[in-house]
Amino acid sequence: MKILVTAGPTREPIDPVRFISNRSSGKMGYALARVAAGMGHEVRLVSGPVCLAAPENVRVFNVLTAEEMLAAVTANMKWCHVLIMAAAVCDWRPVKVSRTKIKKTGEVPSIAIEQTPDILTTVSARKGRRVIVGFAAETGDPIAEAARKLSAKKLDLIVANDVSRADAGFETDTNRVSLLDCAGVVRHLPLMSKDAVAGKIISWIEQTRSTV
């Protein structure tokens, strides 16, 4: 299969030295790209800014902002059979970006923000016969929010995890996730390495693609 993976955070600049972002390390997305390539698939990776080596036999497209990630995903949609949106796209950005560093004057600056593009919602309109997998990194009750996103964004599978846990989610080498598919099946996986989680996800995709 031709698999397109997104990974890492996006950054939304405030001025030349400051930005809005999140804690995503990109480890889960890079694991997916690495494992998929190791299982014989052709893989492209759209990566936000991370401190990770590029996986072998994977073509990498480096981006910074949500707009740039949307453009890269859109440009590669015709190529792929599968889209795995593992990136933690920043939800908000400043309305105006200062061209010069905002000086510390003693007064707290007011920064108006707006929503960034919803990449999954945008590209799901062009889904066709592609398999689309999303992620729901949540706190509290990740299953409920994952189920909502699965339906609202017309996904085939969503991977839910509680990022408030010390052994799962952002910046860790392990993850504890639940897989929810569009048929209503929920599968809870035990704590395992992110490469092992990636293997479970790619195997699910292979089985799904073989039946469509």
Protein backbone atom coordinates (compact mmCIF):
# COMPACT_ATOMS: atom_id res chain seq x y z
CA MET A 1 0.00 0.00 0.00
CA LYS A 2 0.93 3.65 -0.32
CA ILE A 3 0.65 5.09 3.18
CA LEU A 4 0.80 8.77 4.09
CA VAL A 5 1.56 9.50 7.76
CA THR A 6 1.59 12.80 9.63
CA ALA A 7 3.62 13.21 12.80
CA GLY A 8 4.76 15.65 15.44
CA PRO A 9 3.42 19.03 16.49
CA THR A 10 2.84 22.14 14.43
CA ARG A 11 4.05 25.57 15.50
CA GLU A 12 2.13 28.80 15.05
CA PRO A 13 4.42 31.85 15.27
CA ILE A 14 3.69 34.81 17.53
CA ASP A 15 6.83 36.73 16.55
CA PRO A 16 10.28 35.70 15.24
CA VAL A 17 11.22 34.00 18.54
CA ARG A 18 7.94 32.78 20.07
CA PHE A 19 5.24 30.36 18.98
CA ILE A 20 2.18 28.38 20.12
CA SER A 21 2.60 24.60 20.04
CA ASN A 22 2.11 21.43 22.12
CA ARG A 23 4.08 18.59 23.71
CA SER A 24 4.00 16.13 20.82
CA SER A 25 7.41 14.52 20.22
CA GLY A 26 6.41 12.81 16.96
CA LYS A 27 7.43 9.39 18.31
CA MET A 28 4.09 7.68 17.52
CA GLY A 29 3.92 9.00 13.97
CA TYR A 30 7.54 8.13 13.28
CA ALA A 31 6.94 4.63 14.68
CA LEU A 32 4.02 4.22 12.28
CA ALA A 33 6.11 5.32 9.30
CA ARG A 34 9.04 3.12 10.31
CA VAL A 35 6.93 0.03 10.98
CA ALA A 36 4.82 0.46 7.82
CA ALA A 37 7.97 0.72 5.70
CA GLY A 38 9.40 -2.33 7.47
CA MET A 39 6.23 -4.27 6.62
CA GLY A 40 6.83 -3.59 2.92
CA HIS A 41 4.62 -0.57 2.29
CA GLU A 42 5.57 2.61 0.43
CA VAL A 43 5.50 5.41 2.98
CA ARG A 44 5.55 9.19 2.93
CA LEU A 45 5.80 11.16 6.16
CA VAL A 46 4.65 14.75 6.69
CA SER A 47 6.49 15.86 9.80
CA GLY A 48 6.21 18.84 12.07
CA PRO A 49 9.35 20.01 13.93
CA VAL A 50 10.78 17.07 15.91
CA CYS A 51 14.15 15.82 17.18
CA LEU A 52 13.97 12.40 15.52
CA ALA A 53 15.96 10.76 12.74
CA ALA A 54 14.08 10.18 9.51
CA PRO A 55 12.91 6.54 9.18
CA GLU A 56 14.71 4.47 6.57
CA ASN A 57 13.03 4.09 3.17
CA VAL A 58 10.52 6.84 3.97
CA ARG A 59 10.16 10.09 2.03
CA VAL A 60 9.84 12.96 4.51
CA PHE A 61 8.14 16.31 3.97
CA ASN A 62 9.06 18.79 6.72
CA VAL A 63 6.49 21.42 7.65
CA LEU A 64 6.07 23.95 10.44
CA THR A 65 2.51 25.29 10.64
CA ALA A 66 -0.94 23.76 10.34
CA GLU A 67 -1.40 25.50 6.97
CA GLU A 68 1.82 23.96 5.70
CA MET A 69 0.79 20.51 6.94
CA LEU A 70 -2.61 20.83 5.25
CA ALA A 71 -0.91 21.79 1.98
CA ALA A 72 1.49 18.83 2.17
CA VAL A 73 -1.29 16.36 3.00
CA THR A 74 -3.50 17.72 0.22
CA ALA A 75 -0.65 17.46 -2.30
CA ASN A 76 -0.10 13.79 -1.40
CA MET A 77 -3.74 12.66 -1.15
CA LYS A 78 -3.99 11.49 -4.76
CA TRP A 79 -0.90 9.33 -4.24
CA CYS A 80 -1.97 7.47 -1.09
CA HIS A 81 -4.25 4.53 -0.35
CA VAL A 82 -4.11 5.23 3.40
CA LEU A 83 -3.83 8.41 5.47
CA ILE A 84 -2.78 8.14 9.12
CA MET A 85 -3.12 11.48 10.91
CA ALA A 86 -0.89 10.96 13.96
CA ALA A 87 0.23 14.59 14.13
CA ALA A 88 -0.88 16.79 17.01
CA VAL A 89 -1.89 19.82 14.97
CA CYS A 90 -1.96 23.04 16.98
CA ASP A 91 -5.60 24.11 17.31
CA TRP A 92 -5.04 27.87 17.49
CA ARG A 93 -2.78 30.51 15.98
CA PRO A 94 -2.35 34.27 16.47
CA VAL A 95 -4.52 36.38 14.20
CA LYS A 96 -1.53 38.67 13.56
CA VAL A 97 2.14 37.67 13.62
CA SER A 98 4.62 40.35 14.64
CA ARG A 99 7.54 40.75 12.23
CA THR A 100 9.76 41.89 15.09
CA LYS A 101 10.24 40.51 18.59
CA ILE A 102 7.54 41.73 20.97
CA LYS A 103 9.40 43.64 23.67
CA LYS A 104 8.95 43.03 27.37
CA THR A 105 7.66 46.37 28.62
CA GLY A 106 6.06 45.45 31.93
CA GLU A 107 2.61 45.20 30.37
CA VAL A 108 1.20 41.81 29.40
CA PRO A 109 0.45 41.80 25.66
CA SER A 110 -2.96 40.75 24.43
CA ILE A 111 -2.74 38.21 21.60
CA ALA A 112 -5.90 37.50 19.60
CA ILE A 113 -6.09 33.92 18.37
CA GLU A 114 -8.11 32.02 15.78
CA GLN A 115 -8.59 28.38 14.87
CA THR A 116 -6.17 26.64 12.54
CA PRO A 117 -7.50 24.54 9.64
CA ASP A 118 -9.03 21.19 10.61
CA ILE A 119 -6.96 18.97 8.35
CA LEU A 120 -8.93 15.77 8.89
CA THR A 121 -12.28 17.41 8.23
CA THR A 122 -10.91 19.04 5.10
CA VAL A 123 -9.34 15.94 3.54
CA SER A 124 -12.09 13.51 4.56
CA ALA A 125 -14.30 15.22 1.97
CA ARG A 126 -11.94 13.69 -0.64
CA LYS A 127 -11.80 10.28 1.04
CA GLY A 128 -12.97 8.11 -1.83
CA ARG A 129 -11.86 4.50 -1.18
CA ARG A 130 -8.96 5.53 1.03
CA VAL A 131 -8.61 4.31 4.60
CA ILE A 132 -8.29 7.24 7.01
CA VAL A 133 -7.02 6.80 10.56
CA GLY A 134 -7.15 9.53 13.19
CA PHE A 135 -5.83 9.98 16.71
CA ALA A 136 -7.53 11.35 19.83
CA ALA A 137 -5.05 12.43 22.49
CA GLU A 138 -7.32 13.28 25.40
CA THR A 139 -7.57 13.61 29.17
CA GLY A 140 -10.47 12.36 31.26
CA ASP A 141 -12.59 10.11 29.05
CA PRO A 142 -10.73 9.58 25.75
CA ILE A 143 -13.17 6.94 24.47
CA ALA A 144 -16.19 9.24 24.39
CA GLU A 145 -14.33 12.01 22.57
CA ALA A 146 -12.71 9.53 20.19
CA ALA A 147 -16.12 8.11 19.28
CA ARG A 148 -17.40 11.61 18.55
CA LYS A 149 -14.41 12.40 16.31
CA LEU A 150 -14.68 9.04 14.54
CA SER A 151 -18.22 9.87 13.46
CA ALA A 152 -17.82 13.61 12.87
CA LYS A 153 -14.71 13.26 10.72
CA LYS A 154 -15.90 10.13 8.86
CA LEU A 155 -12.88 8.04 9.86
CA ASP A 156 -12.34 4.31 9.44
CA LEU A 157 -10.36 3.99 12.66
CA ILE A 158 -9.41 6.25 15.54
CA VAL A 159 -6.70 5.65 18.12
CA ALA A 160 -7.58 6.99 21.57
CA ASN A 161 -5.17 7.49 24.42
CA ASP A 162 -5.14 9.29 27.76
CA VAL A 163 -2.19 11.69 27.59
CA SER A 164 -2.42 12.46 31.32
CA ARG A 165 -0.78 9.08 32.05
CA ALA A 166 2.95 9.05 32.78
CA ASP A 167 3.57 5.95 30.64
CA ALA A 168 1.55 6.88 27.55
CA GLY A 169 0.93 9.76 25.20
CA PHE A 170 3.34 12.59 24.53
CA GLU A 171 7.14 12.23 24.81
CA THR A 172 7.11 8.58 25.95
CA ASP A 173 8.42 5.43 24.24
CA THR A 174 5.34 3.43 25.30
CA ASN A 175 1.64 3.88 24.74
CA ARG A 176 -1.64 2.46 26.01
CA VAL A 177 -4.36 2.98 23.42
CA SER A 178 -7.84 1.91 22.38
CA LEU A 179 -8.78 1.30 18.74
CA LEU A 180 -12.31 2.31 17.70
CA ASP A 181 -13.45 1.45 14.20
CA CYS A 182 -16.38 2.61 12.10
CA ALA A 183 -18.19 -0.72 12.64
CA GLY A 184 -18.47 0.03 16.35
CA VAL A 185 -15.74 -2.34 17.52
CA VAL A 186 -13.57 -1.11 20.39
CA ARG A 187 -10.29 -2.85 21.15
CA HIS A 188 -8.29 -1.90 24.27
CA LEU A 189 -4.56 -2.59 23.96
CA PRO A 190 -2.26 -3.07 26.97
CA LEU A 191 0.80 -0.93 27.60
CA MET A 192 3.34 -1.59 24.84
CA SER A 193 6.05 0.13 22.86
CA LYS A 194 4.98 2.63 20.25
CA ASP A 195 6.47 0.40 17.56
CA ALA A 196 4.24 -2.45 18.79
CA VAL A 197 1.19 -0.14 18.74
CA ALA A 198 2.14 0.87 15.21
CA GLY A 199 2.27 -2.78 14.20
CA LYS A 200 -1.26 -3.34 15.50
CA ILE A 201 -2.54 -0.33 13.56
CA ILE A 202 -0.84 -1.27 10.30
CA SER A 203 -2.09 -4.87 10.62
CA TRP A 204 -5.66 -3.56 11.10
CA ILE A 205 -5.28 -1.43 7.97
CA GLU A 206 -3.96 -4.39 5.96
CA GLN A 207 -6.95 -6.52 6.98
CA THR A 208 -9.38 -3.69 6.20
CA ARG A 209 -7.86 -2.93 2.79
CA SER A 210 -8.02 -6.63 1.85
CA THR A 211 -11.81 -6.63 2.29
CA VAL A 212 -12.62 -3.49 0.25
